[in-house]
Amino acid sequence: MRVLILSVTAGYGHHATAKAIGDMLTSKGAEVHTLDVYAYISNLIKNTIDKGYLFSSKHMQTLYRLVYQLAENNGASYFSSAPSIINIINALGASKFAKVLAGYAPDTIICTHIFAAQMVDELKKRKKLDDITTIGIVTDYTLHPYWEDVPRVQYIVTASELLTFRCVKRGIPERRILPLGIPVHPKFNQTLSRADAAAQLDINPNMRTLLLMGGSMGYADHVKILEKLTSIGIPLQLLVVCGNNKKMQSRVEQFASRYEGDCVVKPYGFVNNVEVMMSASDCIVSKPGGLTVSEALAKNLPMLLVDPIPGHEERNVEFLVNNGMAALITKHFPIDEAVYELFRNPVRLQTVRQTMQAIAHPDATERLAEFVLHNK
């Protein structure tokens, strides 16, 4: 079985999902290759998409939200009278990328980003991939409007069976929907006791512990959050992951060095042991990216969500809050009040964990791999 995984450089989650799927399939004997679609068309396009996504999601949020809502409310075809830049790029680059695919001769193609799925749909339309099974992975707890506009991608993997009604309502035939969950690395499905996790991190296993994350780029203002958390009056152990944001890491380190209260502040940069940190924690404070949310669900770790990117992350918040698995931090419900309420209400904590356990799909990666291997 030869499997080709296609992704796009726009956020870390899509690549992490691709790696999780690739590693699982490889362990089961498949021949797997992972490609960034636009790297094979143009490095300029690849870099422009990457930087454009980061810039627009951070600095043009009102416009980003408006475009998403227009597509969501009117369907992706709303923009069909004026083809999007991505559609134009795909149309121009399709023949070139078809030659790349021919060299790999895959039995199955898996897309972990909608742009990659749009390229595959374009090639299917041109009868280039007739004998190849194609699967798209929606890496959020919603259906992005543009997934409605790739009818030739045979299967669409969604985050939860709770989303099936929405998908069918939006025009996706139920036979195409695979509610397997968002694939995460198998290590998040491994049992690790709090004591063992704390020992690996050299922290106190008996102290209330919060994990603070801001996405792979470390966009969250951790210092502002730390100032509020350390003023609650509850001794807390704070694991602060700053990602690739060196400036933020330096600010957190400075805060930790001058802080003299009852809390313990532990700064980190980019880490590869998030599953250990989650096993040692009582709660996570994070942006609601689809992959981070799925990892927290797999670990039954209650979530306090901050600064959602307009569009898909706002939909993640709605799904999680409406299903009793998280709370959203706002101006009128600040982080210090949220943490105080959570730790003063042990029944709430227990209920959240039980709900997460019922809805989570920690085995999503293995279930997808089994589907791929036995679908031919």
Protein backbone atom coordinates (compact mmCIF):
# COMPACT_ATOMS: atom_id res chain seq x y z
CA MET A 1 0.00 0.00 0.00
CA ARG A 2 1.45 3.35 -1.10
CA VAL A 3 0.06 6.43 0.64
CA LEU A 4 0.77 10.05 -0.23
CA ILE A 5 -0.03 12.69 2.40
CA LEU A 6 -0.47 16.24 1.12
CA SER A 7 -0.30 19.31 3.36
CA VAL A 8 0.31 23.04 3.10
CA THR A 9 2.59 25.30 5.13
CA ALA A 10 0.01 27.36 7.03
CA GLY A 11 0.07 26.64 10.74
CA TYR A 12 1.83 23.80 12.56
CA GLY A 13 -1.25 21.65 13.19
CA HIS A 14 -1.69 20.43 9.62
CA HIS A 15 1.88 19.13 9.50
CA ALA A 16 1.62 17.53 12.93
CA THR A 17 -1.54 15.75 11.79
CA ALA A 18 0.24 14.60 8.63
CA LYS A 19 3.16 13.26 10.67
CA ALA A 20 0.86 11.41 13.08
CA ILE A 21 -0.94 9.72 10.18
CA GLY A 22 2.30 8.96 8.35
CA ASP A 23 4.01 7.44 11.38
CA MET A 24 0.99 5.22 12.12
CA LEU A 25 0.67 3.99 8.53
CA THR A 26 4.41 3.34 8.32
CA SER A 27 4.27 1.29 11.52
CA LYS A 28 1.59 -0.85 9.87
CA GLY A 29 3.69 -1.55 6.78
CA ALA A 30 2.53 1.12 4.34
CA GLU A 31 4.92 3.07 2.12
CA VAL A 32 4.28 6.71 3.03
CA HIS A 33 5.48 10.01 1.58
CA THR A 34 4.45 13.48 2.78
CA LEU A 35 4.58 16.51 0.48
CA ASP A 36 3.89 20.21 0.82
CA VAL A 37 1.78 20.83 -2.27
CA TYR A 38 2.99 24.32 -3.08
CA ALA A 39 6.67 23.54 -2.51
CA TYR A 40 6.43 21.52 -5.72
CA ILE A 41 4.76 24.31 -7.65
CA SER A 42 6.62 27.40 -6.43
CA ASN A 43 8.64 28.22 -3.31
CA LEU A 44 7.44 31.81 -3.67
CA ILE A 45 3.82 30.67 -3.48
CA LYS A 46 4.60 28.35 -0.56
CA ASN A 47 6.24 31.12 1.47
CA THR A 48 3.57 33.68 0.55
CA ILE A 49 0.77 31.39 1.74
CA ASP A 50 2.60 30.63 4.98
CA LYS A 51 3.37 34.25 5.82
CA GLY A 52 0.03 35.47 4.52
CA TYR A 53 -1.87 33.11 6.82
CA LEU A 54 0.13 34.17 9.87
CA PHE A 55 -0.19 37.87 9.06
CA SER A 56 -3.91 37.86 8.26
CA SER A 57 -4.87 35.69 11.23
CA LYS A 58 -2.99 38.01 13.59
CA HIS A 59 -3.29 41.50 12.09
CA MET A 60 -6.39 41.40 9.83
CA GLN A 61 -8.82 39.53 12.05
CA THR A 62 -11.92 41.57 11.18
CA LEU A 63 -11.44 40.96 7.44
CA TYR A 64 -10.51 37.32 8.07
CA ARG A 65 -13.74 36.82 10.05
CA LEU A 66 -15.84 38.58 7.39
CA VAL A 67 -14.55 36.44 4.52
CA TYR A 68 -15.06 33.25 6.55
CA GLN A 69 -18.61 34.24 7.52
CA LEU A 70 -19.54 35.17 3.95
CA ALA A 71 -18.41 31.75 2.73
CA GLU A 72 -20.05 30.02 5.68
CA ASN A 73 -23.39 31.79 5.29
CA ASN A 74 -23.58 31.62 1.52
CA GLY A 75 -21.56 28.50 0.71
CA ALA A 76 -18.08 28.32 -0.79
CA SER A 77 -19.59 28.76 -4.27
CA TYR A 78 -20.47 32.33 -3.21
CA PHE A 79 -17.05 33.36 -4.50
CA SER A 80 -17.18 31.24 -7.65
CA SER A 81 -18.00 34.21 -9.89
CA ALA A 82 -14.60 35.62 -8.94
CA PRO A 83 -12.21 32.66 -8.60
CA SER A 84 -10.02 32.76 -5.51
CA ILE A 85 -6.27 33.10 -5.71
CA ILE A 86 -5.94 29.51 -4.47
CA ASN A 87 -8.20 28.20 -7.25
CA ILE A 88 -6.19 30.10 -9.83
CA ILE A 89 -2.91 28.74 -8.41
CA ASN A 90 -4.30 25.22 -8.39
CA ALA A 91 -5.57 25.51 -11.96
CA LEU A 92 -2.20 26.79 -13.18
CA GLY A 93 -0.15 24.31 -11.17
CA ALA A 94 -2.31 21.20 -11.62
CA SER A 95 -0.46 19.76 -14.62
CA LYS A 96 2.91 20.25 -12.94
CA PHE A 97 1.75 18.65 -9.70
CA ALA A 98 0.10 15.75 -11.58
CA LYS A 99 3.58 14.79 -12.84
CA VAL A 100 4.88 14.86 -9.27
CA LEU A 101 2.09 12.55 -8.13
CA ALA A 102 2.70 10.17 -11.02
CA GLY A 103 6.21 9.59 -9.73
CA TYR A 104 4.85 8.29 -6.42
CA ALA A 105 2.04 6.17 -7.90
CA PRO A 106 -0.03 6.27 -4.68
CA ASP A 107 -2.98 4.01 -3.91
CA THR A 108 -4.40 6.59 -1.52
CA ILE A 109 -3.97 10.35 -1.14
CA ILE A 110 -4.71 12.01 2.22
CA CYS A 111 -5.05 15.80 2.44
CA THR A 112 -4.58 17.49 5.83
CA HIS A 113 -5.33 20.99 4.51
CA ILE A 114 -8.23 22.30 2.45
CA PHE A 115 -5.86 23.90 -0.11
CA ALA A 116 -4.33 20.47 -0.78
CA ALA A 117 -7.83 19.00 -1.09
CA GLN A 118 -8.72 21.71 -3.59
CA MET A 119 -5.71 20.72 -5.70
CA VAL A 120 -6.74 17.06 -5.56
CA ASP A 121 -10.32 18.00 -6.51
CA GLU A 122 -8.96 19.93 -9.50
CA LEU A 123 -6.93 16.90 -10.61
CA LYS A 124 -9.92 14.60 -10.14
CA LYS A 125 -11.96 16.95 -12.32
CA ARG A 126 -9.29 16.52 -15.01
CA LYS A 127 -9.51 12.70 -14.68
CA LYS A 128 -5.91 12.52 -13.44
CA LEU A 129 -6.58 10.51 -10.26
CA ASP A 130 -9.41 8.17 -11.27
CA ASP A 131 -8.04 5.02 -9.61
CA ILE A 132 -6.75 6.67 -6.42
CA THR A 133 -8.71 6.84 -3.15
CA THR A 134 -8.76 10.40 -1.81
CA ILE A 135 -9.39 11.44 1.80
CA GLY A 136 -9.56 14.92 3.34
CA ILE A 137 -8.96 15.65 7.03
CA VAL A 138 -10.89 18.55 8.61
CA THR A 139 -8.58 19.62 11.44
CA ASP A 140 -11.14 21.68 13.37
CA TYR A 141 -14.41 21.05 15.22
CA THR A 142 -16.55 22.41 12.43
CA LEU A 143 -16.87 22.08 8.68
CA HIS A 144 -14.89 24.79 6.92
CA PRO A 145 -17.08 26.16 4.11
CA TYR A 146 -14.49 25.29 1.48
CA TRP A 147 -14.75 21.58 2.32
CA GLU A 148 -18.25 21.82 0.82
CA ASP A 149 -16.65 22.66 -2.53
CA VAL A 150 -14.44 19.59 -3.09
CA PRO A 151 -17.07 17.03 -4.16
CA ARG A 152 -14.55 14.75 -5.88
CA VAL A 153 -12.62 14.05 -2.67
CA GLN A 154 -14.23 10.73 -1.79
CA TYR A 155 -14.07 10.82 2.02
CA ILE A 156 -13.95 13.63 4.57
CA VAL A 157 -12.72 12.86 8.10
CA THR A 158 -14.43 14.98 10.75
CA ALA A 159 -13.60 15.64 14.40
CA SER A 160 -16.75 14.08 15.85
CA GLU A 161 -19.94 12.23 14.97
CA LEU A 162 -21.69 15.17 16.65
CA LEU A 163 -20.81 17.18 13.54
CA THR A 164 -22.42 14.76 11.07
CA PHE A 165 -25.82 16.48 11.10
CA ARG A 166 -24.15 19.83 10.38
CA CYS A 167 -22.13 18.33 7.52
CA VAL A 168 -25.17 16.72 5.90
CA LYS A 169 -27.10 19.96 6.37
CA ARG A 170 -24.28 21.77 4.55
CA GLY A 171 -24.57 19.39 1.59
CA ILE A 172 -22.00 16.66 2.30
CA PRO A 173 -23.53 13.20 1.64
CA GLU A 174 -23.30 11.06 4.77
CA ARG A 175 -21.59 8.26 2.82
CA ARG A 176 -18.56 10.55 2.41
CA ILE A 177 -18.28 11.44 6.11
CA LEU A 178 -15.85 9.54 8.36
CA PRO A 179 -16.36 10.83 11.95
CA LEU A 180 -13.13 9.26 13.19
CA GLY A 181 -11.76 12.27 15.06
CA ILE A 182 -8.76 14.50 14.33
CA PRO A 183 -5.63 12.32 14.12
CA VAL A 184 -3.08 13.06 16.85
CA HIS A 185 0.20 11.36 17.68
CA PRO A 186 -0.35 7.95 19.33
CA LYS A 187 1.62 9.10 22.39
CA PHE A 188 -1.46 11.10 23.44
CA ASN A 189 -3.36 7.82 23.66
CA GLN A 190 -0.85 6.27 26.07
CA THR A 191 -1.55 6.20 29.79
CA LEU A 192 0.91 8.19 31.86
CA SER A 193 0.26 8.75 35.55
CA ARG A 194 0.41 12.26 36.99
CA ALA A 195 3.23 11.18 39.32
CA ASP A 196 5.35 9.80 36.47
CA ALA A 197 4.70 12.86 34.31
CA ALA A 198 5.63 15.20 37.15
CA ALA A 199 8.82 13.21 37.75
CA GLN A 200 9.82 13.60 34.08
CA LEU A 201 9.26 17.36 34.33
CA ASP A 202 10.84 17.66 37.79
CA ILE A 203 7.76 19.39 39.23
CA ASN A 204 5.55 18.87 42.29
CA PRO A 205 2.85 16.24 41.54
CA ASN A 206 0.69 17.43 44.45
CA MET A 207 0.40 21.08 43.42
CA ARG A 208 -2.43 22.39 41.24
CA THR A 209 -0.88 22.70 37.79
CA LEU A 210 -1.87 24.75 34.75
CA LEU A 211 -0.38 24.34 31.29
CA LEU A 212 -0.25 27.60 29.31
CA MET A 213 0.18 27.36 25.54
CA GLY A 214 -0.15 29.89 22.72
CA GLY A 215 0.09 27.82 19.57
CA SER A 216 3.28 26.91 17.71
CA MET A 217 4.09 30.60 17.15
CA GLY A 218 3.52 31.50 20.80
CA TYR A 219 1.10 34.38 20.12
CA ALA A 220 -0.53 34.43 23.57
CA ASP A 221 0.42 37.23 25.97
CA HIS A 222 1.57 34.88 28.71
CA VAL A 223 2.89 37.61 31.01
CA LYS A 224 -0.50 39.32 31.24
CA ILE A 225 -2.07 35.93 32.03
CA LEU A 226 0.62 35.15 34.63
CA GLU A 227 0.03 38.47 36.39
CA LYS A 228 -3.63 37.55 36.85
CA LEU A 229 -3.06 33.91 37.82
CA THR A 230 -0.44 34.68 40.43
CA SER A 231 -2.78 37.17 42.11
CA ILE A 232 -5.67 34.73 42.74
CA GLY A 233 -4.37 33.63 46.14
CA ILE A 234 -4.17 29.93 45.22
CA PRO A 235 -0.71 28.32 44.98
CA LEU A 236 -0.36 27.21 41.36
CA GLN A 237 2.30 25.48 39.31
CA LEU A 238 2.38 27.19 35.90
CA LEU A 239 3.98 25.46 32.91
CA VAL A 240 4.35 28.20 30.29
CA VAL A 241 5.09 27.07 26.72
CA CYS A 242 6.12 29.96 24.46
CA GLY A 243 6.65 28.03 21.23
CA ASN A 244 8.96 29.76 18.76
CA ASN A 245 8.36 33.18 20.27
CA LYS A 246 11.78 33.92 21.79
CA LYS A 247 10.74 37.41 22.85
CA MET A 248 7.79 36.06 24.83
CA GLN A 249 9.96 33.35 26.39
CA SER A 250 12.41 36.00 27.55
CA ARG A 251 9.60 38.05 29.09
CA VAL A 252 8.22 35.01 30.92
CA GLU A 253 11.70 34.15 32.21
CA GLN A 254 12.09 37.71 33.49
CA PHE A 255 8.70 37.49 35.22
CA ALA A 256 9.66 34.17 36.83
CA SER A 257 12.98 35.56 38.08
CA ARG A 258 11.41 38.53 39.85
CA TYR A 259 8.26 36.79 41.12
CA GLU A 260 8.32 36.03 44.87
CA GLY A 261 4.86 34.62 45.61
CA ASP A 262 3.44 31.15 46.31
CA CYS A 263 3.13 30.12 42.66
CA VAL A 264 5.82 28.33 40.64
CA VAL A 265 6.45 29.59 37.11
CA LYS A 266 8.26 27.25 34.66
CA PRO A 267 9.03 28.82 31.24
CA TYR A 268 9.59 26.67 28.12
CA GLY A 269 10.24 27.39 24.45
CA PHE A 270 9.17 24.97 21.74
CA VAL A 271 8.65 21.53 23.28
CA ASN A 272 8.16 17.97 22.05
CA ASN A 273 6.70 16.51 25.25
CA VAL A 274 3.30 18.20 25.41
CA GLU A 275 1.68 14.85 26.23
CA VAL A 276 3.80 14.67 29.41
CA MET A 277 2.88 18.23 30.38
CA MET A 278 -0.80 17.47 29.83
CA SER A 279 -0.58 14.34 31.99
CA ALA A 280 0.89 16.42 34.81
CA SER A 281 -1.70 19.22 34.58
CA ASP A 282 -5.18 19.95 35.93
CA CYS A 283 -6.13 22.36 33.18
CA ILE A 284 -4.79 23.90 29.96
CA VAL A 285 -5.02 27.57 28.98
CA SER A 286 -4.64 27.74 25.22
CA LYS A 287 -5.75 29.05 21.87
CA PRO A 288 -8.40 26.69 20.47
CA GLY A 289 -6.44 25.23 17.57
CA GLY A 290 -7.91 21.95 16.35
CA LEU A 291 -4.83 19.85 17.05
CA THR A 292 -4.20 21.21 20.56
CA VAL A 293 -7.87 20.71 21.38
CA SER A 294 -7.75 17.11 20.17
CA GLU A 295 -4.62 16.41 22.20
CA ALA A 296 -6.27 17.86 25.31
CA LEU A 297 -9.39 15.79 24.66
CA ALA A 298 -7.28 12.64 24.34
CA LYS A 299 -5.75 13.46 27.74
CA ASN A 300 -9.12 14.44 29.30
CA LEU A 301 -7.63 17.81 30.20
CA PRO A 302 -10.16 20.61 30.89
CA MET A 303 -9.66 23.69 28.73
CA LEU A 304 -9.78 27.45 29.23
CA LEU A 305 -9.68 28.99 25.76
CA VAL A 306 -8.16 32.35 24.84
CA ASP A 307 -7.82 34.52 21.72
CA PRO A 308 -9.45 32.33 19.05
CA ILE A 309 -8.54 33.13 15.46
CA PRO A 310 -11.69 34.37 13.67
CA GLY A 311 -13.58 31.73 11.75
CA HIS A 312 -12.53 28.15 12.37
CA GLU A 313 -11.14 28.63 15.90
CA GLU A 314 -14.27 30.53 16.93
CA ARG A 315 -16.26 27.51 15.74
CA ASN A 316 -14.00 25.25 17.81
CA VAL A 317 -14.88 27.36 20.85
CA GLU A 318 -18.60 27.04 20.14
CA PHE A 319 -18.37 23.24 19.84
CA LEU A 320 -16.33 22.82 23.02
CA VAL A 321 -18.25 25.28 25.19
CA ASN A 322 -21.65 24.12 23.98
CA ASN A 323 -20.72 20.52 24.76
CA GLY A 324 -19.44 21.31 28.25
CA MET A 325 -15.73 20.67 27.71
CA ALA A 326 -14.26 24.16 27.97
CA ALA A 327 -14.81 27.78 28.96
CA LEU A 328 -13.95 30.87 26.92
CA ILE A 329 -11.92 33.62 28.56
CA THR A 330 -13.36 37.04 27.77
CA LYS A 331 -13.18 40.60 29.05
CA HIS A 332 -16.14 39.86 31.29
CA PHE A 333 -14.96 36.38 32.32
CA PRO A 334 -11.21 36.87 32.86
CA ILE A 335 -8.70 34.12 33.41
CA ASP A 336 -8.35 34.62 37.17
CA GLU A 337 -12.10 34.24 37.74
CA ALA A 338 -12.26 31.20 35.46
CA VAL A 339 -9.43 29.40 37.27
CA TYR A 340 -10.81 30.31 40.69
CA GLU A 341 -14.25 28.94 39.78
CA LEU A 342 -12.83 25.78 38.24
CA PHE A 343 -10.70 24.81 41.24
CA ARG A 344 -13.42 25.74 43.75
CA ASN A 345 -15.83 23.39 42.00
CA PRO A 346 -14.44 19.81 41.97
CA VAL A 347 -17.76 18.44 40.66
CA ARG A 348 -17.40 20.68 37.59
CA LEU A 349 -13.87 19.41 36.99
CA GLN A 350 -15.01 15.81 37.24
CA THR A 351 -17.99 16.40 34.94
CA VAL A 352 -15.82 18.08 32.31
CA ARG A 353 -13.40 15.15 32.30
CA GLN A 354 -16.26 12.65 31.98
CA THR A 355 -17.74 14.58 29.06
CA MET A 356 -14.37 14.76 27.33
CA GLN A 357 -13.86 11.04 27.74
CA ALA A 358 -17.24 10.36 26.14
CA ILE A 359 -16.61 12.60 23.12
CA ALA A 360 -12.85 12.27 22.54
CA HIS A 361 -11.34 10.04 19.86
CA PRO A 362 -7.80 9.40 21.13
CA ASP A 363 -7.58 6.41 18.75
CA ALA A 364 -8.46 8.49 15.67
CA THR A 365 -5.07 7.98 14.02
CA GLU A 366 -5.20 4.21 14.30
CA ARG A 367 -8.82 4.07 13.12
CA LEU A 368 -7.94 6.16 10.06
CA ALA A 369 -4.93 3.96 9.30
CA GLU A 370 -7.08 0.83 9.48
CA PHE A 371 -9.63 2.41 7.14
CA VAL A 372 -6.92 3.34 4.63
CA LEU A 373 -5.29 -0.10 4.70
CA HIS A 374 -8.51 -2.06 4.36
CA ASN A 375 -10.44 0.20 1.99
CA LYS A 376 -8.80 -1.03 -1.22
